[in-house]
C-alpha atoms as a PDB file:
ATOM      1  CA  MET A   1    -110.120 204.319  -1.046  1.00  0.00           C
ATOM      2  CA  LYS A   2    -108.215 203.528   1.789  1.00  0.00           C
ATOM      3  CA  LYS A   3    -109.069 200.235   2.211  1.00  0.00           C
ATOM      4  CA  THR A   4    -108.866 199.327  -1.173  1.00  0.00           C
ATOM      5  CA  MET A   5    -105.297 200.442  -1.712  1.00  0.00           C
ATOM      6  CA  ILE A   6    -104.259 198.505   1.226  1.00  0.00           C
ATOM      7  CA  ALA A   7    -106.125 195.834  -0.389  1.00  0.00           C
ATOM      8  CA  LEU A   8    -104.339 195.803  -3.341  1.00  0.00           C
ATOM      9  CA  ALA A   9    -100.560 196.653  -2.280  1.00  0.00           C
ATOM     10  CA  ALA A  10    -101.422 193.390  -0.153  1.00  0.00           C
ATOM     11  CA  ALA A  11    -102.536 191.476  -3.244  1.00  0.00           C
ATOM     12  CA  SER A  12     -99.599 192.715  -5.502  1.00  0.00           C
ATOM     13  CA  ALA A  13     -96.956 191.849  -2.405  1.00  0.00           C
ATOM     14  CA  LEU A  14     -98.467 187.924  -2.778  1.00  0.00           C
ATOM     15  CA  ALA A  15     -98.335 188.120  -6.809  1.00  0.00           C
ATOM     16  CA  MET A  16     -94.912 188.934  -6.722  1.00  0.00           C
ATOM     17  CA  GLY A  17     -94.057 186.432  -4.257  1.00  0.00           C
ATOM     18  CA  THR A  18     -95.400 183.310  -5.586  1.00  0.00           C
ATOM     19  CA  LEU A  19     -94.800 184.371  -9.189  1.00  0.00           C
ATOM     20  CA  SER A  20     -90.939 185.576  -8.722  1.00  0.00           C
ATOM     21  CA  VAL A  21     -88.778 182.442  -9.960  1.00  0.00           C
ATOM     22  CA  PRO A  22     -86.159 181.476  -7.062  1.00  0.00           C
ATOM     23  CA  GLN A  23     -82.402 181.451  -8.357  1.00  0.00           C
ATOM     24  CA  LYS A  24     -80.120 179.404  -7.128  1.00  0.00           C
ATOM     25  CA  ALA A  25     -77.209 180.973  -5.164  1.00  0.00           C
ATOM     26  CA  GLU A  26     -73.581 181.636  -6.213  1.00  0.00           C
ATOM     27  CA  ALA A  27     -70.819 182.878  -4.845  1.00  0.00           C
ATOM     28  CA  HIS A  28     -69.152 183.762  -8.173  1.00  0.00           C
ATOM     29  CA  ALA A  29     -68.793 187.544  -8.510  1.00  0.00           C
ATOM     30  CA  TRP A  30     -68.621 188.336 -12.256  1.00  0.00           C
ATOM     31  CA  TRP A  31     -67.438 191.897 -11.542  1.00  0.00           C
ATOM     32  CA  VAL A  32     -63.589 190.425  -9.882  1.00  0.00           C
ATOM     33  CA  VAL A  33     -61.791 190.247 -13.431  1.00  0.00           C
ATOM     34  CA  PRO A  34     -63.016 193.322 -14.591  1.00  0.00           C
ATOM     35  CA  SER A  35     -62.218 195.510 -11.630  1.00  0.00           C
ATOM     36  CA  ILE A  36     -58.730 193.969 -11.628  1.00  0.00           C
ATOM     37  CA  VAL A  37     -58.537 195.094 -14.985  1.00  0.00           C
ATOM     38  CA  LEU A  38     -60.036 198.177 -15.089  1.00  0.00           C
ATOM     39  CA  GLY A  39     -57.531 199.067 -11.608  1.00  0.00           C
ATOM     40  CA  ALA A  40     -54.699 198.147 -13.373  1.00  0.00           C
ATOM     41  CA  VAL A  41     -55.466 200.488 -16.435  1.00  0.00           C
ATOM     42  CA  VAL A  42     -56.176 203.769 -13.866  1.00  0.00           C
ATOM     43  CA  VAL A  43     -52.876 202.830 -11.828  1.00  0.00           C
ATOM     44  CA  GLY A  44     -50.919 202.465 -15.332  1.00  0.00           C
ATOM     45  CA  GLY A  45     -52.409 205.406 -16.739  1.00  0.00           C
ATOM     46  CA  ALA A  46     -51.227 207.338 -13.215  1.00  0.00           C
ATOM     47  CA  ALA A  47     -47.946 206.477 -13.516  1.00  0.00           C
ATOM     48  CA  ILE A  48     -47.433 207.304 -17.352  1.00  0.00           C
ATOM     49  CA  ALA A  49     -48.835 210.739 -16.151  1.00  0.00           C
ATOM     50  CA  ALA A  50     -46.961 211.237 -13.161  1.00  0.00           C
ATOM     51  CA  SER A  51     -43.874 210.305 -14.928  1.00  0.00           C
ATOM     52  CA  ASN A  52     -44.576 212.749 -17.838  1.00  0.00           C
ATOM     53  CA  ALA A  53     -45.999 215.802 -15.682  1.00  0.00           C
ATOM     54  CA  HIS A  54     -42.289 216.959 -15.006  1.00  0.00           C
ATOM     55  CA  ALA A  55     -40.710 215.791 -18.528  1.00  0.00           C
ATOM     56  CA  GLN A  56     -39.674 218.753 -19.832  1.00  0.00           C
ATOM     57  CA  ALA A  57     -37.194 219.724 -16.727  1.00  0.00           C
ATOM     58  CA  TYR A  58     -35.149 216.815 -17.826  1.00  0.00           C
ATOM     59  CA  TYR A  59     -34.724 217.926 -21.477  1.00  0.00           C
ATOM     60  CA  ALA A  60     -34.145 222.129 -20.995  1.00  0.00           C
ATOM     61  CA  PRO A  61     -31.482 223.554 -18.254  1.00  0.00           C
ATOM     62  CA  PRO A  62     -33.090 225.462 -15.624  1.00  0.00           C
ATOM     63  CA  TYR A  63     -31.501 228.660 -16.483  1.00  0.00           C
ATOM     64  CA  ALA A  64     -32.845 228.596 -20.062  1.00  0.00           C
ATOM     65  CA  PRO A  65     -35.170 231.432 -21.075  1.00  0.00           C
ATOM     66  CA  ARG A  66     -38.642 230.277 -20.888  1.00  0.00           C
ATOM     67  CA  GLY A  67     -40.969 231.132 -24.184  1.00  0.00           C
ATOM     68  CA  SER A  68     -39.850 233.704 -27.129  1.00  0.00           C
ATOM     69  CA  VAL A  69     -37.099 236.539 -26.784  1.00  0.00           C
ATOM     70  CA  HIS A  70     -37.728 239.430 -28.863  1.00  0.00           C
ATOM     71  CA  VAL A  71     -34.903 241.926 -29.347  1.00  0.00           C
ATOM     72  CA  ALA A  72     -36.229 245.117 -30.684  1.00  0.00           C
ATOM     73  CA  PRO A  73     -34.622 246.249 -34.213  1.00  0.00           C
ATOM     74  CA  THR A  74     -32.687 248.945 -35.001  1.00  0.00           C
ATOM     75  CA  ARG A  75     -34.067 252.363 -36.333  1.00  0.00           C
ATOM     76  CA  GLY A  76     -36.194 251.621 -39.635  1.00  0.00           C
ATOM     77  CA  CYS A  77     -36.039 247.758 -39.421  1.00  0.00           C
ATOM     78  CA  TYR A  78     -39.695 246.260 -38.769  1.00  0.00           C
ATOM     79  CA  MET A  79     -40.583 242.491 -38.667  1.00  0.00           C
ATOM     80  CA  GLN A  80     -42.973 241.222 -41.822  1.00  0.00           C
ATOM     81  CA  ALA A  81     -45.050 238.029 -41.961  1.00  0.00           C
ATOM     82  CA  GLN A  82     -44.445 236.016 -44.449  1.00  0.00           C
ATOM     83  CA  PRO A  83     -46.893 232.744 -45.374  1.00  0.00           C
ATOM     84  CA  ALA A  84     -44.465 229.671 -44.282  1.00  0.00           C
ATOM     85  CA  LEU A  85     -43.866 226.869 -46.756  1.00  0.00           C
ATOM     86  CA  PHE A  86     -46.527 224.315 -44.656  1.00  0.00           C
ATOM     87  CA  GLY A  87     -48.979 226.903 -43.594  1.00  0.00           C
ATOM     88  CA  GLY A  88     -49.304 229.435 -41.217  1.00  0.00           C
ATOM     89  CA  TYR A  89     -46.900 232.338 -40.901  1.00  0.00           C
ATOM     90  CA  ARG A  90     -43.011 233.257 -40.501  1.00  0.00           C
ATOM     91  CA  TYR A  91     -41.472 236.130 -39.212  1.00  0.00           C
ATOM     92  CA  ILE A  92     -38.853 238.291 -40.872  1.00  0.00           C
ATOM     93  CA  GLU A  93     -36.868 241.349 -40.014  1.00  0.00           C
ATOM     94  CA  VAL A  94     -37.348 243.806 -43.100  1.00  0.00           C
ATOM     95  CA  CYS A  95     -34.598 247.052 -42.825  1.00  0.00           C
ATOM     96  CA  ARG A  96     -34.824 249.913 -45.029  1.00  0.00           C
END
């Protein structure tokens, strides 16, 4: 069994060597242009992401409150949800 496997491996190696078609050697690297384009896209995307990372700091002063500020209503008042014009809800203060 061992001799048969070795003989088959040798025969297949000889067959592959004799049947394969030699190819002409070319120095043209087809991947150069796509890699330059892809690199430019990646670097451009990183530059845009870095410039937008802290964009909020330029539009809001540093002393502005973050999030929503809720002041508790006086006694007898409560917040009621009403349907908004373009979907969702808006909250209004209802006092008795």
